């Protein structure tokens, strides 16, 4: 899961932009299912390194070739970039541990409480007004998390806290994206999203290094391609069409995660997971609907 870093629009057909978002969801969920598969054979830290290293290497190569300069390496607000990147790094770390312990669809559903949590954090740290209806939406989304996690049932238990922490860190990452959007170069923001994690993990991964098979190298590269490709598509879509139109379709990633989990691992979502995911997604769409109405009323 990620968010666009710019608001400039070069309009394309709405159907194409929506298709980009849906394909992005499938690619990012595919990246997660690849990580889960690799974690069956490799340490999670190595899988994390591969996800960040190859994503960063691809982004660096594309930007250097396209811009014909390295201006994107110069961050005007390095402190804010570090906080934002650290939030994403922490979110990914908790998520990758989570998907080794629970079905991918369950983890993805809980993770997608993040857009709803942004409502709370925006009120606390950005001074945005948060009305009672949106607070109720947050409560309903949390109820959805409880349904998926089923505390005390010994089905998921404490492991459900891992994607919940992911959701909190992703919400911080999204809020920081809003803060930094007008304070730094979008290219720098995009690059440093994963560069910080890649640098940290590259310093640690030699202690966990092992001989990888060609298939494992291929899957690690696939993760980087899916992450970078999904991110580029997401940014392109949000630069090409109104965010208010596209936001609900980002939840296609939850559906894609459930499908990938079934195809690769045979995970069949329970009734509890389906109901909980419906509440979480529904709450997110309601928050989007309220924000869109308020913006239009203020225009």
Protein backbone atom coordinates (compact mmCIF):
# COMPACT_ATOMS: atom_id res chain seq x y z
CA UNK A 1 0.00 0.00 0.00
CA UNK A 2 1.22 3.55 -0.90
CA UNK A 3 0.00 7.03 -1.75
CA UNK A 4 0.60 9.59 -4.52
CA UNK A 5 3.01 12.41 -3.80
CA UNK A 6 1.78 15.07 -6.20
CA UNK A 7 -1.51 16.62 -7.20
CA UNK A 8 -0.82 17.75 -10.77
CA UNK A 9 -3.37 16.32 -13.19
CA UNK A 10 -3.00 15.44 -16.86
CA UNK A 11 -6.42 13.96 -17.50
CA UNK A 12 -6.86 10.64 -19.27
CA UNK A 13 -9.95 8.48 -19.70
CA UNK A 14 -11.44 7.71 -16.24
CA UNK A 15 -11.81 4.03 -17.16
CA UNK A 16 -8.06 3.82 -17.90
CA UNK A 17 -7.13 5.50 -14.62
CA UNK A 18 -9.43 3.15 -12.69
CA UNK A 19 -7.89 0.19 -14.53
CA UNK A 20 -4.44 1.40 -13.45
CA UNK A 21 -5.55 1.42 -9.81
CA UNK A 22 -6.99 -2.10 -10.05
CA UNK A 23 -3.83 -3.40 -11.75
CA UNK A 24 -1.79 -1.66 -9.03
CA UNK A 25 -3.77 -3.51 -6.36
CA UNK A 26 -3.10 -6.83 -8.09
CA UNK A 27 0.63 -6.04 -8.43
CA UNK A 28 1.11 -4.94 -4.82
CA UNK A 29 -0.84 -7.93 -3.52
CA UNK A 30 1.26 -10.09 -5.85
CA UNK A 31 4.39 -8.59 -4.31
CA UNK A 32 3.12 -9.55 -0.84
CA UNK A 33 2.24 -13.12 -1.87
CA UNK A 34 5.72 -13.47 -3.39
CA UNK A 35 7.22 -12.25 -0.12
CA UNK A 36 5.15 -14.79 1.82
CA UNK A 37 6.30 -17.58 -0.51
CA UNK A 38 9.97 -16.57 -0.23
CA UNK A 39 9.69 -16.35 3.57
CA UNK A 40 8.99 -20.09 3.61
CA UNK A 41 12.64 -20.60 2.54
CA UNK A 42 14.48 -17.40 3.49
CA UNK A 43 14.71 -15.19 6.62
CA UNK A 44 12.13 -12.41 6.62
CA UNK A 45 14.93 -9.84 6.83
CA UNK A 46 16.39 -11.10 3.53
CA UNK A 47 12.94 -10.91 1.91
CA UNK A 48 12.57 -7.35 3.20
CA UNK A 49 15.98 -6.44 1.80
CA UNK A 50 15.09 -7.82 -1.63
CA UNK A 51 11.79 -5.92 -1.69
CA UNK A 52 13.49 -2.60 -0.81
CA UNK A 53 16.78 -3.04 -2.68
CA UNK A 54 15.33 -3.99 -6.07
CA UNK A 55 12.51 -1.43 -5.80
CA UNK A 56 15.04 1.32 -5.04
CA UNK A 57 17.44 0.17 -7.77
CA UNK A 58 14.65 0.21 -10.36
CA UNK A 59 13.42 3.64 -9.24
CA UNK A 60 16.96 5.04 -9.31
CA UNK A 61 17.59 3.68 -12.81
CA UNK A 62 14.30 4.99 -14.23
CA UNK A 63 14.67 8.46 -12.69
CA UNK A 64 18.34 8.84 -13.67
CA UNK A 65 17.55 7.85 -17.27
CA UNK A 66 14.35 9.89 -17.54
CA UNK A 67 15.53 13.06 -15.80
CA UNK A 68 19.12 12.84 -17.13
CA UNK A 69 20.29 14.16 -13.76
CA UNK A 70 20.53 13.15 -10.12
CA UNK A 71 18.57 16.12 -8.82
CA UNK A 72 16.06 13.74 -7.21
CA UNK A 73 18.76 12.69 -4.72
CA UNK A 74 18.67 16.16 -3.14
CA UNK A 75 15.95 16.29 -0.51
CA UNK A 76 15.02 19.76 0.70
CA UNK A 77 13.48 18.38 3.91
CA UNK A 78 15.60 15.33 4.84
CA UNK A 79 14.15 15.15 8.36
CA UNK A 80 10.59 14.82 7.09
CA UNK A 81 11.71 12.38 4.42
CA UNK A 82 13.39 10.23 7.09
CA UNK A 83 10.27 10.11 9.28
CA UNK A 84 8.08 9.24 6.29
CA UNK A 85 10.46 6.57 5.00
CA UNK A 86 10.91 5.08 8.48
CA UNK A 87 7.12 4.79 8.83
CA UNK A 88 6.88 2.86 5.57
CA UNK A 89 9.86 0.68 6.51
CA UNK A 90 8.28 -0.19 9.85
CA UNK A 91 4.92 -0.88 8.21
CA UNK A 92 6.46 -3.24 5.65
CA UNK A 93 8.50 -5.02 8.32
CA UNK A 94 5.47 -5.73 10.52
CA UNK A 95 3.42 -6.74 7.49
CA UNK A 96 6.00 -9.23 6.23
CA UNK A 97 6.27 -10.86 9.64
CA UNK A 98 2.47 -10.94 9.80
CA UNK A 99 2.00 -12.72 6.47
CA UNK A 100 4.32 -15.51 7.59
CA UNK A 101 1.98 -16.18 10.51
CA UNK A 102 -1.50 -15.58 9.08
CA UNK A 103 -3.42 -15.72 5.77
CA UNK A 104 -2.52 -12.93 3.36
CA UNK A 105 -6.16 -11.84 2.94
CA UNK A 106 -6.64 -11.44 6.70
CA UNK A 107 -3.48 -9.35 7.04
CA UNK A 108 -4.40 -7.20 4.01
CA UNK A 109 -7.90 -6.55 5.35
CA UNK A 110 -6.58 -5.33 8.73
CA UNK A 111 -3.83 -3.31 7.03
CA UNK A 112 -6.44 -1.39 5.07
CA UNK A 113 -7.70 0.26 8.24
CA UNK A 114 -4.87 2.74 7.51
CA UNK A 115 -6.94 5.13 5.31
CA UNK A 116 -9.53 5.34 8.08
CA UNK A 117 -6.85 6.01 10.72
CA UNK A 118 -5.60 8.90 8.58
CA UNK A 119 -8.84 10.64 9.55
CA UNK A 120 -7.86 10.53 13.24
CA UNK A 121 -4.24 11.50 12.68
CA UNK A 122 -5.19 14.37 10.39
CA UNK A 123 -7.36 15.74 13.16
CA UNK A 124 -4.67 15.32 15.79
CA UNK A 125 -1.62 16.56 13.89
CA UNK A 126 -2.86 18.59 10.92
CA UNK A 127 -5.71 20.36 12.68
CA UNK A 128 -8.31 19.06 10.23
CA UNK A 129 -11.89 18.89 11.44
CA UNK A 130 -13.07 15.36 12.23
CA UNK A 131 -16.81 15.16 12.76
CA UNK A 132 -18.76 12.53 14.71
CA UNK A 133 -19.74 10.60 11.57
CA UNK A 134 -16.15 10.00 10.59
CA UNK A 135 -15.29 9.02 14.17
CA UNK A 136 -18.09 6.44 13.97
CA UNK A 137 -16.56 5.19 10.71
CA UNK A 138 -13.25 4.70 12.54
CA UNK A 139 -15.04 2.73 15.27
CA UNK A 140 -16.84 0.57 12.70
CA UNK A 141 -13.53 -0.15 10.93
CA UNK A 142 -12.02 -1.20 14.24
CA UNK A 143 -15.01 -3.50 14.72
CA UNK A 144 -14.10 -5.03 11.36
CA UNK A 145 -10.56 -5.62 12.61
CA UNK A 146 -11.97 -7.39 15.68
CA UNK A 147 -14.08 -9.64 13.43
CA UNK A 148 -11.05 -10.59 11.33
CA UNK A 149 -8.79 -11.09 14.36
CA UNK A 150 -11.37 -12.88 16.56
CA UNK A 151 -9.41 -12.28 19.78
CA UNK A 152 -9.59 -15.22 22.15
CA UNK A 153 -10.51 -17.66 19.38
CA UNK A 154 -6.93 -18.99 18.99
CA UNK A 155 -7.37 -18.52 15.22
CA UNK A 156 -5.21 -15.40 14.88
CA UNK A 157 -4.87 -13.99 18.40
CA UNK A 158 -1.92 -11.69 19.04
CA UNK A 159 -0.62 -12.07 15.47
CA UNK A 160 -3.46 -9.79 14.34
CA UNK A 161 -1.67 -6.98 16.19
CA UNK A 162 1.09 -7.07 13.56
CA UNK A 163 -1.00 -5.83 10.60
CA UNK A 164 -2.73 -3.45 13.02
CA UNK A 165 0.66 -1.85 13.78
CA UNK A 166 1.23 -1.83 10.01
CA UNK A 167 -2.03 0.11 9.58
CA UNK A 168 -0.97 2.70 12.18
CA UNK A 169 2.47 3.17 10.58
CA UNK A 170 0.93 3.37 7.09
CA UNK A 171 -1.46 6.05 8.35
CA UNK A 172 1.53 8.03 9.66
CA UNK A 173 3.22 7.53 6.27
CA UNK A 174 0.12 8.86 4.47
CA UNK A 175 -0.14 11.89 6.75
CA UNK A 176 3.56 12.62 6.25
CA UNK A 177 2.96 12.39 2.49
CA UNK A 178 0.38 15.16 2.86
CA UNK A 179 2.77 17.25 4.97
CA UNK A 180 5.76 16.85 2.68
CA UNK A 181 3.86 17.22 -0.61
CA UNK A 182 4.34 21.00 -0.73
CA UNK A 183 7.76 21.04 0.96
CA UNK A 184 9.91 18.82 -1.25
CA UNK A 185 10.42 17.54 -4.79
CA UNK A 186 7.97 14.70 -5.61
CA UNK A 187 10.77 12.74 -7.29
CA UNK A 188 12.84 12.92 -4.11
CA UNK A 189 9.87 11.84 -2.04
CA UNK A 190 9.24 8.86 -4.30
CA UNK A 191 12.90 7.78 -4.30
CA UNK A 192 13.48 8.12 -0.56
CA UNK A 193 10.30 6.18 0.23
CA UNK A 194 12.31 2.97 -0.17
CA UNK A 195 15.93 4.20 -0.35
CA UNK A 196 16.22 4.60 3.43
CA UNK A 197 15.02 1.05 4.06
CA UNK A 198 17.28 -0.29 1.30
CA UNK A 199 20.31 1.39 2.85
CA UNK A 200 19.58 0.10 6.37
CA UNK A 201 18.85 -3.45 5.22
CA UNK A 202 21.90 -3.58 2.93
CA UNK A 203 24.06 -2.94 5.99
CA UNK A 204 22.40 -5.78 7.94
CA UNK A 205 21.70 -8.43 5.28
CA UNK A 206 25.34 -9.68 4.96
CA UNK A 207 24.94 -11.28 8.41
CA UNK A 208 22.00 -13.33 7.03
CA UNK A 209 23.41 -13.96 3.55
CA UNK A 210 23.18 -17.37 1.95
CA UNK A 211 23.45 -18.87 -1.50
CA UNK A 212 20.23 -18.15 -3.40
CA UNK A 213 18.88 -20.33 -6.17
CA UNK A 214 18.14 -18.76 -9.57
CA UNK A 215 14.43 -19.14 -8.81
CA UNK A 216 14.83 -17.21 -5.54
CA UNK A 217 16.76 -14.43 -7.30
CA UNK A 218 13.99 -14.31 -9.90
CA UNK A 219 11.28 -14.01 -7.26
CA UNK A 220 13.21 -11.31 -5.41
CA UNK A 221 13.57 -9.32 -8.62
CA UNK A 222 9.86 -9.89 -9.30
CA UNK A 223 9.05 -8.34 -5.92
CA UNK A 224 11.05 -5.24 -6.80
CA UNK A 225 9.42 -4.98 -10.22
CA UNK A 226 5.94 -5.39 -8.74
CA UNK A 227 6.60 -2.80 -6.04
CA UNK A 228 8.14 -0.23 -8.37
CA UNK A 229 5.69 -0.91 -11.20
CA UNK A 230 2.68 -0.75 -8.89
CA UNK A 231 3.91 2.50 -7.39
CA UNK A 232 4.54 4.11 -10.78
CA UNK A 233 1.07 3.09 -11.99
CA UNK A 234 -0.51 4.46 -8.82
CA UNK A 235 1.23 7.81 -9.17
CA UNK A 236 0.38 7.99 -12.89
CA UNK A 237 -3.28 7.24 -12.19
CA UNK A 238 -3.55 9.86 -9.44
CA UNK A 239 -1.76 12.41 -11.63
CA UNK A 240 -4.19 11.69 -14.47
CA UNK A 241 -7.59 11.67 -12.73
CA UNK A 242 -9.28 13.04 -9.63
CA UNK A 243 -8.29 11.32 -6.39
CA UNK A 244 -11.91 11.45 -5.25
CA UNK A 245 -12.88 9.20 -8.14
CA UNK A 246 -10.02 6.74 -7.74
CA UNK A 247 -9.77 6.35 -3.95
CA UNK A 248 -12.48 3.65 -3.52
CA UNK A 249 -10.79 1.43 -6.10
CA UNK A 250 -7.58 1.22 -4.03
CA UNK A 251 -9.45 -1.35 -1.93
CA UNK A 252 -9.14 -3.73 -4.87
CA UNK A 253 -5.85 -4.70 -3.22
CA UNK A 254 -7.77 -6.47 -0.43
CA UNK A 255 -9.71 -8.51 -2.99
CA UNK A 256 -6.51 -9.24 -4.90
CA UNK A 257 -4.76 -10.37 -1.70
CA UNK A 258 -7.57 -12.82 -0.94
CA UNK A 259 -7.43 -14.18 -4.52
CA UNK A 260 -3.62 -14.49 -4.49
CA UNK A 261 -3.75 -16.19 -1.08
CA UNK A 262 -6.24 -18.74 -2.40
CA UNK A 263 -4.37 -19.40 -5.66
CA UNK A 264 -0.91 -19.79 -4.11
CA UNK A 265 -1.58 -21.08 -0.59
CA UNK A 266 -5.14 -22.40 -0.75
CA UNK A 267 -6.31 -19.88 1.88
CA UNK A 268 -10.11 -19.70 1.86
CA UNK A 269 -11.44 -16.57 3.62
CA UNK A 270 -13.75 -17.34 6.51
CA UNK A 271 -17.14 -15.73 7.00
CA UNK A 272 -15.55 -13.65 9.81
CA UNK A 273 -12.81 -12.38 7.48
CA UNK A 274 -15.33 -11.53 4.76
CA UNK A 275 -17.60 -9.63 7.16
CA UNK A 276 -14.68 -7.84 8.83
CA UNK A 277 -13.11 -6.86 5.52
CA UNK A 278 -16.50 -5.54 4.35
CA UNK A 279 -16.75 -3.31 7.43
CA UNK A 280 -13.18 -2.01 7.02
CA UNK A 281 -13.55 -1.32 3.29
CA UNK A 282 -17.03 0.14 3.78
CA UNK A 283 -15.76 2.51 6.48
CA UNK A 284 -12.92 3.65 4.25
CA UNK A 285 -15.27 4.33 1.36
CA UNK A 286 -17.62 6.24 3.69
CA UNK A 287 -14.76 8.44 4.93
CA UNK A 288 -13.79 9.11 1.30
CA UNK A 289 -17.44 9.96 0.49
CA UNK A 290 -17.70 12.40 3.43
CA UNK A 291 -14.41 14.13 2.55
CA UNK A 292 -15.48 14.46 -1.10
CA UNK A 293 -18.82 15.99 -0.11
CA UNK A 294 -17.17 18.43 2.29
CA UNK A 295 -14.65 19.53 -0.34
CA UNK A 296 -17.38 20.11 -2.89
CA UNK A 297 -19.47 22.06 -0.37
CA UNK A 298 -16.48 24.28 0.44
CA UNK A 299 -15.67 24.91 -3.25
